Amino acid sequence: MNNTSASNDTEARVRELQIQVQDLKELVNTLLSVICEEPDGVTSGAAPSFGQAKMNYCM
């Protein structure tokens, strides 16, 4: 019976960790979206921002 209790505790902990992993994945994706967005709000990379050369510029 003790083994069953330990197994249930382990399964509950695994479910909790899976939920945390999903939350962290969402957070990372959000942060990457914010980081990759250009200062002028254009995400295509086609429009250089003010003061930058139009060619040979890489972020």
C-alpha atoms as a PDB file:
ATOM      1  CA  MET A   1       0.000   0.000   0.000  1.00  0.00           C
ATOM      2  CA  ASN A   2       2.905   2.319   0.672  1.00  0.00           C
ATOM      3  CA  ASN A   3       4.135   1.719  -2.873  1.00  0.00           C
ATOM      4  CA  THR A   4       0.757   2.801  -4.290  1.00  0.00           C
ATOM      5  CA  SER A   5       0.847   6.007  -2.274  1.00  0.00           C
ATOM      6  CA  ALA A   6       4.345   6.808  -3.527  1.00  0.00           C
ATOM      7  CA  SER A   7       3.224   6.089  -7.083  1.00  0.00           C
ATOM      8  CA  ASN A   8       0.262   8.453  -6.732  1.00  0.00           C
ATOM      9  CA  ASP A   9       2.506  11.153  -5.293  1.00  0.00           C
ATOM     10  CA  THR A  10       4.918  10.716  -8.200  1.00  0.00           C
ATOM     11  CA  GLU A  11       2.108  10.923 -10.772  1.00  0.00           C
ATOM     12  CA  ALA A  12       0.728  14.064  -9.137  1.00  0.00           C
ATOM     13  CA  ARG A  13       4.184  15.658  -9.137  1.00  0.00           C
ATOM     14  CA  VAL A  14       4.688  14.758 -12.822  1.00  0.00           C
ATOM     15  CA  ARG A  15       1.336  16.359 -13.737  1.00  0.00           C
ATOM     16  CA  GLU A  16       2.291  19.486 -11.794  1.00  0.00           C
ATOM     17  CA  LEU A  17       5.639  19.686 -13.572  1.00  0.00           C
ATOM     18  CA  GLN A  18       3.979  19.220 -16.967  1.00  0.00           C
ATOM     19  CA  ILE A  19       1.697  22.173 -16.251  1.00  0.00           C
ATOM     20  CA  GLN A  20       4.699  24.276 -15.231  1.00  0.00           C
ATOM     21  CA  VAL A  21       6.548  23.308 -18.423  1.00  0.00           C
ATOM     22  CA  GLN A  22       3.566  24.360 -20.563  1.00  0.00           C
ATOM     23  CA  ASP A  23       3.354  27.703 -18.725  1.00  0.00           C
ATOM     24  CA  LEU A  24       7.066  28.293 -19.216  1.00  0.00           C
ATOM     25  CA  LYS A  25       6.821  27.458 -22.930  1.00  0.00           C
ATOM     26  CA  GLU A  26       4.110  30.083 -23.328  1.00  0.00           C
ATOM     27  CA  LEU A  27       6.215  32.624 -21.447  1.00  0.00           C
ATOM     28  CA  VAL A  28       9.301  31.913 -23.567  1.00  0.00           C
ATOM     29  CA  ASN A  29       7.305  32.248 -26.794  1.00  0.00           C
ATOM     30  CA  THR A  30       5.870  35.558 -25.600  1.00  0.00           C
ATOM     31  CA  LEU A  31       9.294  36.883 -24.637  1.00  0.00           C
ATOM     32  CA  LEU A  32      10.798  35.805 -27.963  1.00  0.00           C
ATOM     33  CA  SER A  33       8.001  37.583 -29.812  1.00  0.00           C
ATOM     34  CA  VAL A  34       8.695  40.775 -27.882  1.00  0.00           C
ATOM     35  CA  ILE A  35      12.456  40.516 -28.389  1.00  0.00           C
ATOM     36  CA  CYS A  36      12.156  39.847 -32.118  1.00  0.00           C
ATOM     37  CA  GLU A  37       9.750  42.719 -32.753  1.00  0.00           C
ATOM     38  CA  GLU A  38      11.486  45.669 -34.363  1.00  0.00           C
ATOM     39  CA  PRO A  39      11.357  49.123 -32.721  1.00  0.00           C
ATOM     40  CA  ASP A  40       9.010  50.519 -35.374  1.00  0.00           C
ATOM     41  CA  GLY A  41       6.518  47.707 -34.749  1.00  0.00           C
ATOM     42  CA  VAL A  42       7.123  46.026 -38.102  1.00  0.00           C
ATOM     43  CA  THR A  43       7.891  42.340 -37.666  1.00  0.00           C
ATOM     44  CA  SER A  44       8.659  41.533 -41.297  1.00  0.00           C
ATOM     45  CA  GLY A  45      12.177  42.943 -41.176  1.00  0.00           C
ATOM     46  CA  ALA A  46      11.564  44.778 -44.448  1.00  0.00           C
ATOM     47  CA  ALA A  47      11.484  48.333 -43.080  1.00  0.00           C
ATOM     48  CA  PRO A  48      14.638  49.812 -41.537  1.00  0.00           C
ATOM     49  CA  SER A  49      14.091  52.108 -38.581  1.00  0.00           C
ATOM     50  CA  PHE A  50      15.111  55.739 -38.567  1.00  0.00           C
ATOM     51  CA  GLY A  51      18.833  56.342 -38.920  1.00  0.00           C
ATOM     52  CA  GLN A  52      19.747  52.850 -40.065  1.00  0.00           C
ATOM     53  CA  ALA A  53      21.282  51.998 -43.398  1.00  0.00           C
ATOM     54  CA  LYS A  54      18.838  50.424 -45.853  1.00  0.00           C
ATOM     55  CA  MET A  55      21.259  47.668 -46.828  1.00  0.00           C
ATOM     56  CA  ASN A  56      23.727  45.375 -45.048  1.00  0.00           C
ATOM     57  CA  TYR A  57      22.029  45.766 -41.675  1.00  0.00           C
ATOM     58  CA  CYS A  58      21.284  42.777 -39.502  1.00  0.00           C
ATOM     59  CA  MET A  59      19.760  42.696 -36.033  1.00  0.00           C
END
